[in-house]
N, C-alpha and C. Protein backbone atom coordinates (compact mmCIF):
# COMPACT_ATOMS: atom_id res chain seq x y z
N UNK A 1 -114.01 32.27 52.79
CA UNK A 1 -115.39 32.03 53.07
C UNK A 1 -115.96 31.03 52.04
N UNK A 2 -116.67 29.96 52.49
CA UNK A 2 -117.19 29.00 51.56
C UNK A 2 -118.24 29.60 50.63
N UNK A 3 -118.30 29.05 49.42
CA UNK A 3 -119.33 29.47 48.50
C UNK A 3 -120.69 29.10 49.05
N UNK A 4 -121.70 29.80 48.62
CA UNK A 4 -123.05 29.61 49.16
C UNK A 4 -123.56 28.19 48.92
N UNK A 5 -123.27 27.59 47.77
CA UNK A 5 -123.79 26.27 47.43
C UNK A 5 -122.77 25.15 47.63
N UNK A 6 -121.65 25.46 48.24
CA UNK A 6 -120.59 24.42 48.41
C UNK A 6 -120.99 23.43 49.51
N UNK A 7 -120.76 22.17 49.23
CA UNK A 7 -121.09 21.10 50.17
C UNK A 7 -120.06 21.17 51.29
N UNK A 8 -120.50 21.41 52.54
CA UNK A 8 -119.53 21.53 53.65
C UNK A 8 -118.81 20.25 54.00
N UNK A 9 -119.33 19.10 53.63
CA UNK A 9 -118.68 17.83 53.96
C UNK A 9 -117.85 17.27 52.82
N UNK A 10 -117.83 17.93 51.67
CA UNK A 10 -117.19 17.39 50.49
C UNK A 10 -115.72 17.06 50.75
N UNK A 11 -114.96 18.01 51.30
CA UNK A 11 -113.52 17.79 51.53
C UNK A 11 -113.28 16.67 52.51
N UNK A 12 -114.07 16.61 53.58
CA UNK A 12 -113.91 15.54 54.58
C UNK A 12 -114.26 14.21 53.95
N UNK A 13 -115.32 14.18 53.13
CA UNK A 13 -115.73 12.95 52.49
C UNK A 13 -114.72 12.44 51.51
N UNK A 14 -114.01 13.32 50.84
CA UNK A 14 -113.00 12.90 49.86
C UNK A 14 -111.82 12.20 50.50
N UNK A 15 -111.64 12.36 51.79
CA UNK A 15 -110.53 11.73 52.51
C UNK A 15 -110.90 10.30 52.98
N UNK A 16 -112.14 9.93 52.87
CA UNK A 16 -112.62 8.63 53.38
C UNK A 16 -112.66 7.61 52.24
N UNK A 17 -112.77 6.34 52.62
CA UNK A 17 -112.84 5.27 51.63
C UNK A 17 -114.06 5.51 50.72
N UNK A 18 -113.89 5.42 49.43
CA UNK A 18 -115.00 5.64 48.49
C UNK A 18 -115.90 4.41 48.35
N UNK A 19 -116.59 4.06 49.42
CA UNK A 19 -117.39 2.85 49.44
C UNK A 19 -118.55 2.90 48.43
N UNK A 20 -118.90 4.11 48.01
CA UNK A 20 -119.97 4.23 47.03
C UNK A 20 -119.57 3.63 45.67
N UNK A 21 -118.28 3.38 45.48
CA UNK A 21 -117.81 2.83 44.22
C UNK A 21 -118.01 1.32 44.12
N UNK A 22 -118.29 0.66 45.27
CA UNK A 22 -118.54 -0.77 45.24
C UNK A 22 -119.95 -1.00 44.65
N UNK A 23 -120.04 -1.79 43.59
CA UNK A 23 -121.37 -2.06 43.04
C UNK A 23 -122.27 -2.76 44.05
N UNK A 24 -123.49 -2.25 44.20
CA UNK A 24 -124.34 -2.81 45.25
C UNK A 24 -124.72 -4.28 44.97
N UNK A 25 -124.80 -4.66 43.70
CA UNK A 25 -125.09 -6.08 43.39
C UNK A 25 -123.97 -6.98 43.91
N UNK A 26 -122.74 -6.51 43.81
CA UNK A 26 -121.61 -7.29 44.30
C UNK A 26 -121.66 -7.40 45.82
N UNK A 27 -121.97 -6.27 46.49
CA UNK A 27 -122.05 -6.30 47.96
C UNK A 27 -123.16 -7.22 48.43
N UNK A 28 -124.32 -7.15 47.76
CA UNK A 28 -125.47 -7.97 48.19
C UNK A 28 -125.17 -9.46 47.99
N UNK A 29 -124.67 -9.81 46.80
CA UNK A 29 -124.43 -11.24 46.54
C UNK A 29 -123.31 -11.77 47.42
N UNK A 30 -122.27 -10.97 47.66
CA UNK A 30 -121.22 -11.37 48.56
C UNK A 30 -121.74 -11.56 49.99
N UNK A 31 -122.62 -10.65 50.41
CA UNK A 31 -123.20 -10.77 51.75
C UNK A 31 -124.04 -12.05 51.86
N UNK A 32 -124.75 -12.41 50.78
CA UNK A 32 -125.54 -13.65 50.80
C UNK A 32 -124.61 -14.88 51.00
N UNK A 33 -123.50 -14.88 50.31
CA UNK A 33 -122.55 -15.98 50.45
C UNK A 33 -121.99 -16.01 51.86
N UNK A 34 -121.63 -14.85 52.40
CA UNK A 34 -121.09 -14.78 53.76
C UNK A 34 -122.13 -15.24 54.78
N UNK A 35 -123.41 -14.92 54.52
CA UNK A 35 -124.48 -15.36 55.42
C UNK A 35 -124.61 -16.90 55.39
N UNK A 36 -124.47 -17.50 54.22
CA UNK A 36 -124.50 -18.98 54.15
C UNK A 36 -123.36 -19.56 54.96
N UNK A 37 -122.17 -18.97 54.81
CA UNK A 37 -121.02 -19.43 55.58
C UNK A 37 -121.19 -19.24 57.06
N UNK A 38 -121.84 -18.13 57.45
CA UNK A 38 -122.06 -17.86 58.87
C UNK A 38 -123.00 -18.92 59.46
N UNK A 39 -124.03 -19.30 58.71
CA UNK A 39 -124.95 -20.33 59.19
C UNK A 39 -124.25 -21.70 59.29
N UNK A 40 -123.34 -21.95 58.36
CA UNK A 40 -122.67 -23.26 58.30
C UNK A 40 -121.52 -23.37 59.29
N UNK A 41 -120.72 -22.29 59.42
CA UNK A 41 -119.47 -22.35 60.21
C UNK A 41 -119.46 -21.38 61.42
N UNK A 42 -120.36 -20.40 61.44
CA UNK A 42 -120.37 -19.39 62.49
C UNK A 42 -119.95 -18.03 61.93
N UNK A 43 -120.50 -16.99 62.50
CA UNK A 43 -120.21 -15.62 62.05
C UNK A 43 -118.73 -15.30 62.32
N UNK A 44 -118.06 -14.79 61.33
CA UNK A 44 -116.65 -14.43 61.46
C UNK A 44 -115.81 -15.56 62.03
N UNK A 45 -116.12 -16.79 61.67
CA UNK A 45 -115.43 -17.96 62.25
C UNK A 45 -113.92 -17.90 62.07
N UNK A 46 -113.45 -17.33 60.98
CA UNK A 46 -112.01 -17.29 60.73
C UNK A 46 -111.28 -16.39 61.72
N UNK A 47 -112.00 -15.45 62.34
CA UNK A 47 -111.39 -14.55 63.32
C UNK A 47 -111.17 -15.25 64.67
N UNK A 48 -111.94 -16.29 64.92
CA UNK A 48 -111.88 -16.95 66.22
C UNK A 48 -111.08 -18.24 66.22
N UNK A 49 -110.49 -18.55 65.09
CA UNK A 49 -109.66 -19.76 64.97
C UNK A 49 -108.21 -19.39 65.31
N UNK A 50 -107.36 -20.38 65.32
CA UNK A 50 -105.93 -20.13 65.52
C UNK A 50 -105.31 -19.59 64.24
N UNK A 51 -106.08 -19.49 63.20
CA UNK A 51 -105.62 -18.97 61.94
C UNK A 51 -106.19 -19.81 60.81
N UNK A 52 -106.23 -19.21 59.63
CA UNK A 52 -106.71 -19.93 58.45
C UNK A 52 -105.59 -20.00 57.45
N UNK A 53 -105.48 -21.15 56.78
CA UNK A 53 -104.45 -21.32 55.76
C UNK A 53 -104.86 -20.67 54.48
N UNK A 54 -104.00 -19.85 53.94
CA UNK A 54 -104.27 -19.18 52.66
C UNK A 54 -104.59 -20.20 51.58
N UNK A 55 -103.89 -21.32 51.57
CA UNK A 55 -104.08 -22.29 50.48
C UNK A 55 -105.51 -22.87 50.48
N UNK A 56 -106.12 -23.03 51.62
CA UNK A 56 -107.50 -23.53 51.69
C UNK A 56 -108.45 -22.62 50.98
N UNK A 57 -108.30 -21.33 51.19
CA UNK A 57 -109.19 -20.34 50.59
C UNK A 57 -108.84 -20.06 49.15
N UNK A 58 -107.56 -20.10 48.81
CA UNK A 58 -107.16 -19.92 47.40
C UNK A 58 -107.67 -21.09 46.59
N UNK A 59 -107.65 -22.30 47.14
CA UNK A 59 -108.18 -23.47 46.43
C UNK A 59 -109.68 -23.30 46.18
N UNK A 60 -110.42 -22.76 47.15
CA UNK A 60 -111.85 -22.53 46.96
C UNK A 60 -112.08 -21.48 45.87
N UNK A 61 -111.28 -20.42 45.89
CA UNK A 61 -111.40 -19.40 44.83
C UNK A 61 -111.14 -20.03 43.47
N UNK A 62 -110.10 -20.83 43.37
CA UNK A 62 -109.74 -21.45 42.10
C UNK A 62 -110.81 -22.41 41.62
N UNK A 63 -111.45 -23.17 42.56
CA UNK A 63 -112.54 -24.05 42.16
C UNK A 63 -113.71 -23.28 41.60
N UNK A 64 -114.09 -22.21 42.28
CA UNK A 64 -115.20 -21.39 41.79
C UNK A 64 -114.85 -20.72 40.46
N UNK A 65 -113.64 -20.25 40.34
CA UNK A 65 -113.21 -19.59 39.08
C UNK A 65 -113.21 -20.60 37.93
N UNK A 66 -112.73 -21.81 38.19
CA UNK A 66 -112.71 -22.85 37.15
C UNK A 66 -114.14 -23.19 36.72
N UNK A 67 -115.03 -23.32 37.70
CA UNK A 67 -116.43 -23.63 37.35
C UNK A 67 -117.05 -22.49 36.54
N UNK A 68 -116.73 -21.26 36.92
CA UNK A 68 -117.24 -20.11 36.16
C UNK A 68 -116.68 -20.11 34.74
N UNK A 69 -115.37 -20.37 34.62
CA UNK A 69 -114.74 -20.38 33.30
C UNK A 69 -115.28 -21.52 32.43
N UNK A 70 -115.73 -22.60 33.07
CA UNK A 70 -116.31 -23.72 32.32
C UNK A 70 -117.78 -23.46 31.96
N UNK A 71 -118.29 -22.28 32.26
CA UNK A 71 -119.62 -21.92 31.84
C UNK A 71 -120.71 -22.02 32.89
N UNK A 72 -120.36 -22.46 34.09
CA UNK A 72 -121.35 -22.57 35.17
C UNK A 72 -121.47 -21.21 35.85
N UNK A 73 -122.67 -20.70 35.94
CA UNK A 73 -122.86 -19.36 36.50
C UNK A 73 -123.04 -19.40 38.02
N UNK A 74 -123.86 -20.30 38.52
CA UNK A 74 -124.13 -20.36 39.97
C UNK A 74 -123.64 -21.68 40.56
N UNK A 75 -123.25 -21.63 41.82
CA UNK A 75 -122.79 -22.80 42.55
C UNK A 75 -123.97 -23.69 42.87
N UNK A 76 -123.82 -25.00 42.68
CA UNK A 76 -124.90 -25.94 42.93
C UNK A 76 -125.41 -25.88 44.36
N UNK A 77 -124.51 -25.86 45.32
CA UNK A 77 -124.90 -25.91 46.72
C UNK A 77 -125.69 -24.70 47.17
N UNK A 78 -125.29 -23.51 46.69
CA UNK A 78 -125.89 -22.28 47.19
C UNK A 78 -126.92 -21.65 46.25
N UNK A 79 -126.75 -21.90 44.96
CA UNK A 79 -127.59 -21.22 43.97
C UNK A 79 -127.18 -19.79 43.75
N UNK A 80 -126.00 -19.41 44.24
CA UNK A 80 -125.49 -18.04 44.13
C UNK A 80 -124.27 -18.06 43.21
N UNK A 81 -124.06 -16.96 42.54
CA UNK A 81 -122.99 -16.82 41.56
C UNK A 81 -121.63 -17.28 42.09
N UNK A 82 -120.91 -17.99 41.22
CA UNK A 82 -119.53 -18.38 41.58
C UNK A 82 -118.69 -17.12 41.85
N UNK A 83 -118.96 -16.04 41.10
CA UNK A 83 -118.20 -14.79 41.29
C UNK A 83 -118.43 -14.21 42.69
N UNK A 84 -119.65 -14.34 43.18
CA UNK A 84 -119.93 -13.88 44.57
C UNK A 84 -119.18 -14.74 45.59
N UNK A 85 -119.07 -16.03 45.31
CA UNK A 85 -118.29 -16.91 46.19
C UNK A 85 -116.83 -16.50 46.20
N UNK A 86 -116.32 -16.14 45.04
CA UNK A 86 -114.93 -15.68 44.93
C UNK A 86 -114.73 -14.40 45.73
N UNK A 87 -115.67 -13.45 45.58
CA UNK A 87 -115.56 -12.18 46.30
C UNK A 87 -115.62 -12.41 47.82
N UNK A 88 -116.56 -13.29 48.23
CA UNK A 88 -116.68 -13.54 49.67
C UNK A 88 -115.41 -14.18 50.21
N UNK A 89 -114.85 -15.10 49.48
CA UNK A 89 -113.64 -15.77 49.92
C UNK A 89 -112.45 -14.82 49.96
N UNK A 90 -112.35 -13.95 48.95
CA UNK A 90 -111.29 -12.93 48.96
C UNK A 90 -111.47 -12.00 50.14
N UNK A 91 -112.71 -11.64 50.49
CA UNK A 91 -112.93 -10.74 51.63
C UNK A 91 -112.52 -11.41 52.91
N UNK A 92 -112.72 -12.70 53.03
CA UNK A 92 -112.28 -13.43 54.24
C UNK A 92 -110.76 -13.44 54.32
N UNK A 93 -110.10 -13.67 53.19
CA UNK A 93 -108.63 -13.63 53.17
C UNK A 93 -108.10 -12.26 53.58
N UNK A 94 -108.70 -11.20 53.04
CA UNK A 94 -108.29 -9.85 53.42
C UNK A 94 -108.50 -9.57 54.89
N UNK A 95 -109.67 -9.97 55.40
CA UNK A 95 -109.97 -9.73 56.80
C UNK A 95 -109.04 -10.54 57.73
N UNK A 96 -108.77 -11.79 57.36
CA UNK A 96 -107.88 -12.64 58.17
C UNK A 96 -106.47 -12.04 58.14
N UNK A 97 -106.03 -11.58 56.99
CA UNK A 97 -104.70 -10.97 56.91
C UNK A 97 -104.64 -9.71 57.78
N UNK A 98 -105.66 -8.89 57.70
CA UNK A 98 -105.72 -7.66 58.49
C UNK A 98 -105.72 -7.95 59.98
N UNK A 99 -106.42 -9.00 60.37
CA UNK A 99 -106.54 -9.35 61.81
C UNK A 99 -105.38 -10.17 62.32
N UNK A 100 -104.46 -10.55 61.44
CA UNK A 100 -103.31 -11.38 61.85
C UNK A 100 -103.65 -12.85 62.01
N UNK A 101 -104.72 -13.32 61.34
CA UNK A 101 -105.14 -14.70 61.44
C UNK A 101 -104.88 -15.50 60.16
N UNK A 102 -104.15 -14.93 59.25
CA UNK A 102 -103.86 -15.62 57.99
C UNK A 102 -102.53 -16.36 58.09
N UNK A 103 -102.60 -17.68 57.87
CA UNK A 103 -101.37 -18.51 57.84
C UNK A 103 -100.93 -18.55 56.38
N UNK A 104 -99.81 -17.93 56.10
CA UNK A 104 -99.33 -17.84 54.75
C UNK A 104 -98.56 -19.09 54.38
N UNK A 105 -99.27 -20.07 53.84
CA UNK A 105 -98.64 -21.33 53.45
C UNK A 105 -98.47 -21.43 51.92
N UNK A 106 -98.41 -20.26 51.29
CA UNK A 106 -98.20 -20.26 49.83
C UNK A 106 -96.78 -20.78 49.52
N UNK A 107 -96.64 -21.32 48.33
CA UNK A 107 -95.34 -21.75 47.84
C UNK A 107 -94.47 -20.51 47.65
N UNK A 108 -93.29 -20.54 48.25
CA UNK A 108 -92.42 -19.36 48.20
C UNK A 108 -91.52 -19.33 46.97
N UNK A 109 -91.21 -20.49 46.43
CA UNK A 109 -90.38 -20.58 45.23
C UNK A 109 -91.26 -20.37 43.99
N UNK A 110 -90.80 -19.63 43.02
CA UNK A 110 -91.59 -19.49 41.81
C UNK A 110 -91.74 -20.83 41.10
N UNK A 111 -92.94 -21.10 40.62
CA UNK A 111 -93.15 -22.39 39.95
C UNK A 111 -92.89 -22.27 38.44
N UNK A 112 -92.77 -21.06 37.92
CA UNK A 112 -92.55 -20.84 36.51
C UNK A 112 -91.42 -19.83 36.42
N UNK A 113 -90.31 -20.21 35.87
CA UNK A 113 -89.21 -19.25 35.83
C UNK A 113 -88.38 -19.43 34.56
N UNK A 114 -87.42 -18.56 34.41
CA UNK A 114 -86.62 -18.49 33.19
C UNK A 114 -85.41 -19.41 33.26
N UNK A 115 -85.18 -20.13 32.19
CA UNK A 115 -84.02 -21.04 32.08
C UNK A 115 -83.21 -20.67 30.84
N UNK A 116 -81.91 -20.94 30.92
CA UNK A 116 -81.02 -20.72 29.77
C UNK A 116 -80.37 -22.05 29.43
N UNK A 117 -80.32 -22.36 28.14
CA UNK A 117 -79.75 -23.61 27.65
C UNK A 117 -78.22 -23.56 27.77
N UNK A 118 -77.63 -24.65 28.29
CA UNK A 118 -76.18 -24.73 28.42
C UNK A 118 -75.48 -24.98 27.09
N UNK A 119 -76.24 -25.29 26.06
CA UNK A 119 -75.66 -25.61 24.76
C UNK A 119 -75.81 -24.45 23.77
N UNK A 120 -77.03 -24.03 23.50
CA UNK A 120 -77.29 -23.02 22.48
C UNK A 120 -77.52 -21.64 23.06
N UNK A 121 -77.53 -21.50 24.35
CA UNK A 121 -77.69 -20.23 25.05
C UNK A 121 -79.09 -19.60 24.89
N UNK A 122 -80.06 -20.35 24.39
CA UNK A 122 -81.42 -19.85 24.23
C UNK A 122 -82.08 -19.76 25.64
N UNK A 123 -83.01 -18.84 25.76
CA UNK A 123 -83.73 -18.66 27.03
C UNK A 123 -85.16 -19.13 26.85
N UNK A 124 -85.68 -19.87 27.87
CA UNK A 124 -87.03 -20.40 27.83
C UNK A 124 -87.66 -20.24 29.21
N UNK A 125 -89.00 -20.21 29.19
CA UNK A 125 -89.75 -20.24 30.43
C UNK A 125 -90.20 -21.69 30.66
N UNK A 126 -90.11 -22.17 31.91
CA UNK A 126 -90.50 -23.54 32.20
C UNK A 126 -90.94 -23.64 33.65
N UNK A 127 -91.75 -24.68 33.94
CA UNK A 127 -92.19 -24.93 35.30
C UNK A 127 -91.07 -25.58 36.07
N UNK A 128 -90.82 -25.10 37.29
CA UNK A 128 -89.75 -25.68 38.10
C UNK A 128 -90.12 -27.04 38.62
N UNK A 129 -91.41 -27.35 38.72
CA UNK A 129 -91.84 -28.65 39.25
C UNK A 129 -91.48 -29.79 38.31
N UNK A 130 -91.11 -29.46 37.09
CA UNK A 130 -90.74 -30.50 36.13
C UNK A 130 -89.27 -30.92 36.26
N UNK A 131 -88.55 -30.37 37.22
CA UNK A 131 -87.14 -30.65 37.35
C UNK A 131 -86.40 -29.77 36.36
N UNK A 132 -85.23 -30.22 35.96
CA UNK A 132 -84.47 -29.46 34.96
C UNK A 132 -84.96 -29.82 33.56
N UNK A 133 -85.66 -28.92 32.89
CA UNK A 133 -86.21 -29.22 31.57
C UNK A 133 -85.12 -29.23 30.49
N UNK A 134 -85.46 -29.83 29.37
CA UNK A 134 -84.54 -29.87 28.23
C UNK A 134 -84.86 -28.73 27.26
N UNK A 135 -83.86 -28.32 26.49
CA UNK A 135 -84.04 -27.24 25.53
C UNK A 135 -84.81 -27.71 24.32
N UNK A 136 -85.92 -27.09 23.97
CA UNK A 136 -86.70 -27.49 22.83
C UNK A 136 -86.11 -27.00 21.49
N UNK A 137 -85.14 -26.07 21.56
CA UNK A 137 -84.61 -25.49 20.32
C UNK A 137 -83.45 -26.32 19.76
N UNK A 138 -82.49 -26.64 20.60
CA UNK A 138 -81.31 -27.35 20.05
C UNK A 138 -81.46 -28.86 20.20
N UNK A 139 -82.39 -29.31 21.02
CA UNK A 139 -82.70 -30.73 21.17
C UNK A 139 -81.49 -31.62 21.40
N UNK A 140 -80.55 -31.10 22.18
CA UNK A 140 -79.33 -31.88 22.42
C UNK A 140 -79.39 -32.69 23.70
N UNK A 141 -80.45 -32.50 24.46
CA UNK A 141 -80.53 -33.18 25.74
C UNK A 141 -79.78 -32.44 26.85
N UNK A 142 -79.26 -31.28 26.52
CA UNK A 142 -78.60 -30.45 27.54
C UNK A 142 -79.64 -29.90 28.48
N UNK A 143 -79.31 -29.86 29.76
CA UNK A 143 -80.22 -29.29 30.74
C UNK A 143 -80.23 -27.78 30.65
N UNK A 144 -81.42 -27.21 30.97
CA UNK A 144 -81.52 -25.79 31.09
C UNK A 144 -81.16 -25.38 32.52
N UNK A 145 -80.59 -24.23 32.67
CA UNK A 145 -80.18 -23.73 33.98
C UNK A 145 -80.97 -22.47 34.31
N UNK A 146 -81.43 -22.40 35.57
CA UNK A 146 -82.19 -21.22 35.95
C UNK A 146 -81.37 -19.96 35.81
N UNK A 147 -81.95 -18.92 35.23
CA UNK A 147 -81.27 -17.66 35.02
C UNK A 147 -81.03 -16.94 36.34
N UNK A 148 -82.01 -17.00 37.27
CA UNK A 148 -81.89 -16.28 38.55
C UNK A 148 -81.20 -17.11 39.63
N UNK A 149 -80.80 -18.29 39.35
CA UNK A 149 -80.23 -19.16 40.40
C UNK A 149 -79.06 -19.81 39.96
């Protein structure tokens, strides 16, 4: 028998998404950014396309993050926080992924991986886009070889 003061919906509520944990300021500012996008491109426009490229939205996130890191608080075009733009863009990516409308055009090969020197056997991290890097320790001009490949 339930206690006299026990909340009858507590157990059922604990099984649901804890939406009360989302800060309301984040929800409001993200909603403002999404409303700007809806006016510009249409409500839920990404759901009605043939798909959206992940790289397009990741690039937007990175631009806003870079501007925020450089000390800019709000986006010039909207007057709304760069962080809210990032949240809105992330929410679009999540929704598109959930709906099956996300085109995953991310680079599949790691761009930063571990290399071992063929001369001194030292291990280094290097960008793969640089080609085969040289060992900075033994400076012999020997190429480094990927550890995982």
